[in-house]
Protein backbone atom coordinates (compact mmCIF):
# COMPACT_ATOMS: atom_id res chain seq x y z
CA MET A 1 53.30 101.64 130.85
CA THR A 2 51.03 102.61 133.74
CA LEU A 3 51.77 102.59 137.48
CA LEU A 4 48.63 101.82 139.48
CA ARG A 5 48.23 101.96 143.24
CA SER A 6 44.62 100.91 143.85
CA ILE A 7 42.62 97.74 143.28
CA ALA A 8 39.93 99.71 141.45
CA GLU A 9 42.49 101.13 138.99
CA ILE A 10 44.09 97.81 138.07
CA ARG A 11 40.69 96.24 137.54
CA VAL A 12 39.69 99.02 135.15
CA HIS A 13 42.88 98.60 133.10
CA VAL A 14 42.57 94.81 132.95
CA ALA A 15 38.93 95.10 131.89
CA SER A 16 39.96 97.44 129.06
CA ALA A 17 42.57 94.92 127.89
CA ARG A 18 39.99 92.14 127.95
CA ARG A 19 37.62 94.17 125.79
CA LEU A 20 40.41 94.27 123.22
CA GLY A 21 40.59 90.47 123.32
CA LEU A 22 43.97 90.36 125.07
CA THR A 23 45.04 87.55 127.39
CA ILE A 24 46.31 88.70 130.79
CA GLY A 25 49.69 87.66 132.16
CA LEU A 26 50.55 88.21 135.82
CA VAL A 27 54.02 88.31 137.42
CA PRO A 28 53.67 88.69 141.22
CA THR A 29 56.82 90.11 142.88
CA MET A 30 57.94 91.86 146.04
CA GLY A 31 60.08 94.29 144.07
CA ALA A 32 63.88 94.65 144.15
CA LEU A 33 63.65 93.33 140.61
CA HIS A 34 66.56 91.51 138.96
CA GLU A 35 67.13 89.29 135.93
CA GLY A 36 65.37 86.39 137.63
CA HIS A 37 62.21 88.49 137.58
CA GLY A 38 63.19 89.56 134.08
CA ALA A 39 62.91 85.94 132.90
CA LEU A 40 59.36 85.77 134.28
CA ILE A 41 58.40 89.05 132.62
CA ARG A 42 59.89 88.09 129.26
CA ARG A 43 58.03 84.78 129.30
CA ALA A 44 54.79 86.57 130.12
CA ARG A 45 55.46 89.10 127.37
CA GLU A 46 55.94 86.28 124.84
CA GLU A 47 52.80 84.41 125.85
CA THR A 48 50.20 87.04 126.75
CA GLY A 49 48.85 90.27 125.33
CA PHE A 50 48.71 92.38 128.51
CA VAL A 51 51.38 91.94 131.19
CA VAL A 52 50.80 93.01 134.79
CA VAL A 53 53.67 93.02 137.30
CA THR A 54 52.67 93.39 140.93
CA ILE A 55 55.12 94.92 143.41
CA PHE A 56 54.10 94.40 147.01
CA VAL A 57 56.28 93.56 150.00
CA ASN A 58 53.74 91.34 151.69
CA PRO A 59 53.98 91.75 155.48
CA THR A 60 52.01 88.60 156.28
CA GLN A 61 54.62 86.20 154.87
CA PHE A 62 57.55 87.41 156.98
CA ASP A 63 58.17 85.36 160.13
CA ARG A 64 60.93 87.76 161.28
CA PRO A 65 60.00 91.47 161.62
CA GLU A 66 63.60 92.53 160.98
CA ASP A 67 63.56 90.69 157.66
CA LEU A 68 60.52 92.71 156.57
CA GLN A 69 62.21 95.95 157.62
CA LYS A 70 65.42 95.14 155.76
CA TYR A 71 63.79 93.92 152.56
CA PRO A 72 65.12 96.16 149.74
CA ARG A 73 62.65 98.64 148.25
CA ASP A 74 63.18 100.91 145.24
CA LEU A 75 59.91 101.43 143.39
CA ASP A 76 61.37 103.91 140.87
CA ALA A 77 64.05 101.43 139.81
CA ASP A 78 61.52 98.60 139.64
CA VAL A 79 59.15 100.64 137.47
CA ALA A 80 62.01 101.55 135.12
CA PHE A 81 62.98 97.85 134.94
CA CYS A 82 59.42 96.90 134.00
CA GLU A 83 59.19 99.66 131.42
CA ARG A 84 62.35 98.44 129.69
CA LEU A 85 60.83 94.96 129.38
CA GLY A 86 57.55 96.15 127.89
CA VAL A 87 55.28 95.61 130.88
CA ASP A 88 51.82 97.12 130.37
CA ALA A 89 50.89 97.86 133.99
CA VAL A 90 52.60 97.80 137.37
CA PHE A 91 50.30 97.32 140.35
CA ALA A 92 52.07 98.56 143.49
CA PRO A 93 49.55 98.87 146.33
CA GLU A 94 50.22 100.00 149.88
CA ALA A 95 49.64 97.51 152.70
CA GLY A 96 46.42 99.29 153.64
CA GLU A 97 45.03 98.73 150.16
CA MET A 98 45.68 94.98 150.31
CA TYR A 99 44.80 94.53 153.98
CA PRO A 100 42.30 97.22 154.96
CA GLY A 101 41.50 97.59 158.62
CA ASP A 102 43.90 96.75 161.43
CA LEU A 103 47.37 96.74 159.88
CA HIS A 104 48.82 95.41 163.11
CA GLN A 105 47.08 92.07 162.64
CA LYS A 106 49.52 89.29 161.83
CA MET A 107 47.02 87.94 159.30
CA PRO A 108 43.78 89.21 157.74
CA LEU A 109 40.56 87.72 159.03
CA ALA A 110 40.27 85.55 155.91
CA SER A 111 43.34 83.57 154.88
CA VAL A 112 44.34 80.59 152.76
CA GLU A 113 46.04 77.53 154.24
CA VAL A 114 47.47 74.87 151.90
CA ALA A 115 47.97 71.70 153.93
CA GLY A 116 50.56 69.03 153.27
CA VAL A 117 53.09 70.52 150.90
CA SER A 118 53.37 73.68 153.02
CA SER A 119 54.14 71.90 156.30
CA ARG A 120 57.72 70.86 155.59
CA LEU A 121 61.07 72.61 155.03
CA GLU A 122 60.24 76.32 154.61
CA GLY A 123 56.91 75.72 156.31
CA GLU A 124 58.63 74.16 159.31
CA PHE A 125 61.32 76.79 159.69
CA ARG A 126 59.15 79.81 158.83
CA PRO A 127 55.81 79.31 160.61
CA GLY A 128 52.96 81.10 158.86
CA HIS A 129 55.08 81.95 155.81
CA PHE A 130 53.14 79.90 153.29
CA ARG A 131 49.80 80.98 154.73
CA GLY A 132 50.86 84.56 154.04
CA VAL A 133 52.07 83.66 150.54
CA ALA A 134 48.94 81.71 149.62
CA THR A 135 46.67 84.44 150.95
CA VAL A 136 48.31 87.33 149.10
CA VAL A 137 48.64 85.34 145.87
CA ALA A 138 44.97 84.34 146.04
CA LYS A 139 44.09 88.02 146.54
CA LEU A 140 46.21 89.03 143.55
CA PHE A 141 44.62 86.35 141.39
CA ASN A 142 41.17 87.67 142.31
CA ILE A 143 42.16 91.32 141.86
CA VAL A 144 43.88 90.97 138.49
CA GLY A 145 41.91 88.08 137.04
CA ALA A 146 44.86 86.87 134.95
CA ASP A 147 44.85 84.01 132.47
CA ARG A 148 48.44 82.99 133.20
CA ALA A 149 50.66 83.64 136.22
CA TYR A 150 54.44 83.19 136.25
CA PHE A 151 56.55 81.89 139.14
CA GLY A 152 60.22 80.93 139.40
CA GLU A 153 61.42 77.42 140.19
CA LYS A 154 64.01 78.89 142.56
CA ASP A 155 61.19 78.98 145.11
CA ALA A 156 60.16 75.44 144.24
CA GLN A 157 58.14 74.76 147.38
CA GLN A 158 56.30 78.06 147.04
CA LEU A 159 55.51 77.14 143.44
CA ALA A 160 54.11 73.78 144.59
CA VAL A 161 51.98 75.46 147.27
CA ILE A 162 50.50 77.83 144.67
CA GLN A 163 49.90 75.04 142.16
CA THR A 164 48.09 73.03 144.85
CA MET A 165 45.99 76.04 145.85
CA VAL A 166 45.01 76.74 142.24
CA ALA A 167 44.01 73.13 141.63
CA ASP A 168 42.13 72.62 144.88
CA LEU A 169 40.29 75.97 144.87
CA ASN A 170 39.49 75.83 141.13
CA PHE A 171 41.16 79.07 140.10
CA SER A 172 40.65 79.57 136.38
CA LEU A 173 44.21 80.41 135.42
CA THR A 174 47.36 78.58 134.38
CA ILE A 175 50.49 78.59 136.55
CA VAL A 176 53.65 78.78 134.44
CA PRO A 177 56.91 77.64 136.11
CA VAL A 178 60.07 79.39 134.90
CA PRO A 179 63.55 77.89 135.46
CA THR A 180 65.90 79.41 138.04
CA VAL A 181 68.14 82.17 136.71
CA ARG A 182 71.70 82.07 138.01
CA GLU A 183 74.69 84.35 138.12
CA PRO A 184 77.71 83.21 136.03
CA ASP A 185 79.18 81.60 139.17
CA GLY A 186 76.00 79.61 139.84
CA LEU A 187 74.42 81.66 142.63
CA ALA A 188 70.64 81.75 142.21
CA MET A 189 69.48 85.31 141.61
CA SER A 190 67.61 86.70 144.61
CA SER A 191 66.73 90.10 146.02
CA ARG A 192 68.44 89.00 149.24
CA ASN A 193 71.79 88.77 147.47
CA GLU A 194 72.00 92.56 147.67
CA ARG A 195 72.50 92.26 151.42
CA LEU A 196 75.60 90.05 151.17
CA THR A 197 78.98 91.59 151.97
CA PRO A 198 81.66 91.21 149.25
CA GLU A 199 83.24 88.34 151.21
CA GLN A 200 79.90 86.59 151.66
CA ARG A 201 79.05 87.08 147.99
CA ARG A 202 82.29 85.34 147.01
CA ALA A 203 81.42 82.41 149.27
CA ALA A 204 77.73 82.12 148.33
CA PRO A 205 78.09 80.02 145.13
CA ALA A 206 79.29 77.11 147.30
CA LEU A 207 75.61 76.43 148.04
CA TYR A 208 74.84 75.62 144.43
CA GLN A 209 78.13 73.73 144.06
CA ALA A 210 77.18 71.51 147.00
CA LEU A 211 73.79 70.74 145.46
CA CYS A 212 75.52 69.88 142.20
CA GLU A 213 77.77 67.48 144.12
CA GLY A 214 74.64 65.75 145.38
CA GLU A 215 73.40 65.44 141.80
CA ARG A 216 76.78 64.02 140.75
CA LEU A 217 76.59 61.38 143.49
CA ILE A 218 73.16 60.27 142.31
CA ARG A 219 74.25 60.06 138.71
CA SER A 220 77.28 58.01 139.76
CA GLY A 221 75.00 55.44 141.40
CA THR A 222 74.54 56.51 145.03
CA ARG A 223 70.95 55.85 146.08
CA SER A 224 71.02 56.50 149.83
CA ALA A 225 69.62 59.95 150.53
CA VAL A 226 71.14 59.86 154.03
CA GLN A 227 74.61 59.22 152.63
CA ILE A 228 74.27 61.98 150.05
CA LYS A 229 73.04 64.47 152.66
CA GLN A 230 75.99 63.65 154.92
CA ILE A 231 78.50 64.23 152.12
CA VAL A 232 76.89 67.45 150.90
CA THR A 233 76.40 68.83 154.41
CA ALA A 234 80.05 68.13 155.19
CA GLN A 235 81.04 70.00 152.03
CA LEU A 236 79.01 73.04 153.06
CA SER A 237 80.23 72.90 156.65
CA ARG A 238 83.83 73.32 155.55
CA ASN A 239 83.09 77.02 155.17
CA PRO A 240 82.77 78.54 158.66
CA MET A 241 80.62 81.38 157.31
CA PHE A 242 77.80 78.94 156.47
CA ARG A 243 75.16 77.82 158.94
CA VAL A 244 73.14 75.03 157.36
CA GLN A 245 69.48 75.26 158.37
CA TYR A 246 68.31 72.32 156.29
CA LEU A 247 69.43 70.17 153.41
CA GLU A 248 66.93 67.60 152.26
CA VAL A 249 66.27 65.19 149.40
CA VAL A 250 62.54 65.23 148.70
CA ASP A 251 59.88 63.93 146.39
CA PRO A 252 59.38 66.76 143.85
CA GLY A 253 55.58 66.49 144.02
CA THR A 254 54.90 66.23 147.74
CA PHE A 255 58.19 67.59 149.17
CA ALA A 256 58.23 64.66 151.58
CA PRO A 257 61.77 63.43 152.40
CA VAL A 258 62.95 60.27 150.66
CA THR A 259 65.39 57.71 152.03
CA GLN A 260 66.14 55.67 148.91
CA ILE A 261 66.33 57.40 145.54
CA ALA A 262 64.34 55.50 142.93
CA GLY A 263 63.11 58.30 140.68
CA ALA A 264 63.15 62.06 140.32
CA VAL A 265 64.10 64.00 143.47
CA ARG A 266 64.64 67.62 144.36
CA PHE A 267 67.52 68.80 146.54
CA MET A 268 66.35 71.57 148.85
CA ALA A 269 68.68 73.68 150.97
CA ALA A 270 68.58 76.74 153.19
CA ILE A 271 71.67 78.31 154.74
CA TRP A 272 72.48 81.39 156.74
CA LEU A 273 75.38 83.44 155.46
CA GLY A 274 75.84 86.06 158.12
CA GLU A 275 72.44 87.71 158.56
CA VAL A 276 71.23 86.67 155.10
CA ARG A 277 69.23 83.50 154.54
CA LEU A 278 69.70 81.88 151.14
CA ILE A 279 67.66 79.06 149.65
CA ASP A 280 68.30 77.01 146.54
CA ASN A 281 67.25 73.73 144.96
CA ILE A 282 67.89 71.54 141.96
CA LEU A 283 65.74 68.89 140.34
CA VAL A 284 67.51 65.60 139.58
CA LEU A 285 65.99 63.30 136.99
CA LEU A 286 67.32 59.76 136.79
CA PRO A 287 68.27 58.55 133.28
């Protein structure tokens, strides 16, 4: 496995793989790798001949400077993780490589805005977040030139933003969604989980349990999204450590809120647990 730090280097290695007739799989990450990332890498390893994992803590997608500063970083551990899973190349650029020029700019001069799906939920509570995500992902697609790129369903709205960008801007690659990977107690795996105190970590699975209660209500015949949200929010609010930022029942394609449930919906939730913000979602398909 090769660790590469420059755009020129990764392009040379990908070009060599293409000359061998290999398909290119891309797994974009911000590091602090865990088994959720492992599921993406394993899927890429099964389906493509040359797997590239990118590790870049993208400054333009953080709406809170302190969140960027506290984001866990351990490149040596991440490289070892990738090596164990048979990754061919890790691309880990510095910010100046990805955004040359004035690093103090909030955004580069050229950026990508995905209207509609990016304006709600995470887009509402984290202004500029999805613009930063779409821009850096578009740059990585252009740099690596992958055939397939792998993203987790845990970040379902991010996945939808990227799928919309790829379709509307005619990127010639396939986006592969990978199901959320959870801890045995149901907590969705996330790099942010490392920042939870032991007490907070014990409480955190209640987020997933509340979403599952919403699913149970739908399957038992409740069709009012307002009623379901009230019940689930009340369940979460019983724990004084939780601060619910949003809990919404949305159309899984547009992420627009629904009032009456008549087909597939996705439960979306964001909570603060101390100084750590957790998000989760589940897709509910009616019988």
